[in-house]
């Protein structure tokens, strides 16, 4: 199965939020530290005035934020197999 052509999908934006850097690391309660961490997410369409049309989807098995197929903009996300 291949991802649909990007020109056929609704308004989609890939956004990134860097929440840990070497200058400002993220420290867990147990003391472990992430010196570099980035959250990637996507928005589809427009948020309505009431902000009631937002849906949060987690992809625990894929390790990817991408709901609509594979997104080459996100570095370090490789497919597990050629079938995925």
Protein backbone atom coordinates (compact mmCIF):
# COMPACT_ATOMS: atom_id res chain seq x y z
CA UNK A 1 0.00 0.00 0.00
CA UNK A 2 1.37 3.42 -0.90
CA UNK A 3 0.52 6.75 0.64
CA UNK A 4 -1.97 8.90 -1.29
CA UNK A 5 -0.57 11.66 -3.45
CA UNK A 6 0.11 14.74 -1.24
CA UNK A 7 -1.76 17.01 -3.68
CA UNK A 8 -4.96 15.01 -2.98
CA UNK A 9 -4.93 15.52 0.79
CA UNK A 10 -6.34 18.43 2.80
CA UNK A 11 -4.21 21.32 4.02
CA UNK A 12 -1.44 19.59 5.98
CA UNK A 13 1.44 21.20 7.84
CA UNK A 14 4.33 19.36 9.47
CA UNK A 15 5.59 21.24 12.51
CA UNK A 16 8.46 20.65 14.90
CA UNK A 17 8.93 21.61 18.54
CA UNK A 18 12.41 21.23 20.00
CA UNK A 19 12.00 20.74 23.74
CA UNK A 20 15.54 19.72 24.69
CA UNK A 21 18.89 21.07 23.58
CA UNK A 22 22.41 20.68 25.00
CA UNK A 23 22.02 24.19 26.45
CA UNK A 24 18.58 23.37 27.91
CA UNK A 25 18.31 19.59 28.44
CA UNK A 26 15.13 17.82 29.48
CA UNK A 27 15.57 16.09 32.85
CA UNK A 28 13.22 13.30 33.92
CA UNK A 29 12.12 12.84 37.52
CA UNK A 30 14.50 9.88 37.88
CA UNK A 31 17.45 12.04 36.79
CA UNK A 32 17.85 10.72 33.23
CA UNK A 33 18.52 13.47 30.70
CA UNK A 34 17.67 14.08 27.05
CA UNK A 35 20.13 16.57 25.62
CA UNK A 36 18.33 16.69 22.30
CA UNK A 37 14.66 15.96 21.71
CA UNK A 38 12.21 17.14 19.11
CA UNK A 39 8.47 16.62 18.83
CA UNK A 40 7.10 16.39 15.30
CA UNK A 41 3.38 16.77 14.66
CA UNK A 42 0.97 17.58 11.89
CA UNK A 43 -2.07 19.74 11.53
CA UNK A 44 -4.83 19.06 9.02
CA UNK A 45 -7.18 21.81 7.92
CA UNK A 46 -8.10 24.64 10.26
CA UNK A 47 -8.96 24.74 13.95
CA UNK A 48 -12.51 25.99 14.43
CA UNK A 49 -13.40 28.98 16.60
CA UNK A 50 -14.43 26.76 19.54
CA UNK A 51 -11.21 24.73 19.12
CA UNK A 52 -13.35 21.60 19.37
CA UNK A 53 -12.26 19.86 16.18
CA UNK A 54 -8.76 18.83 17.32
CA UNK A 55 -7.88 15.13 17.56
CA UNK A 56 -4.66 13.80 19.08
CA UNK A 57 -3.45 10.50 17.61
CA UNK A 58 -0.50 8.53 18.99
CA UNK A 59 1.40 6.05 16.84
CA UNK A 60 3.24 4.00 19.43
CA UNK A 61 4.18 1.16 17.11
CA UNK A 62 5.53 3.21 14.24
CA UNK A 63 7.40 5.80 16.26
CA UNK A 64 6.09 8.37 13.82
CA UNK A 65 3.65 11.26 14.18
CA UNK A 66 2.52 10.86 10.58
CA UNK A 67 -1.10 9.75 10.24
CA UNK A 68 -1.38 10.00 6.46
CA UNK A 69 1.34 7.61 5.29
CA UNK A 70 5.10 8.14 5.48
CA UNK A 71 6.60 11.62 5.88
CA UNK A 72 10.14 12.09 4.53
CA UNK A 73 10.47 15.48 6.32
CA UNK A 74 11.05 13.72 9.65
CA UNK A 75 14.65 12.55 10.02
CA UNK A 76 15.49 9.25 11.73
CA UNK A 77 12.16 7.53 11.07
CA UNK A 78 12.82 4.43 9.01
CA UNK A 79 10.26 1.86 7.98
CA UNK A 80 10.52 -1.48 9.77
CA UNK A 81 10.11 -3.52 6.60
CA UNK A 82 9.57 -2.88 2.92
CA UNK A 83 5.87 -3.77 3.42
CA UNK A 84 5.30 -0.98 5.97
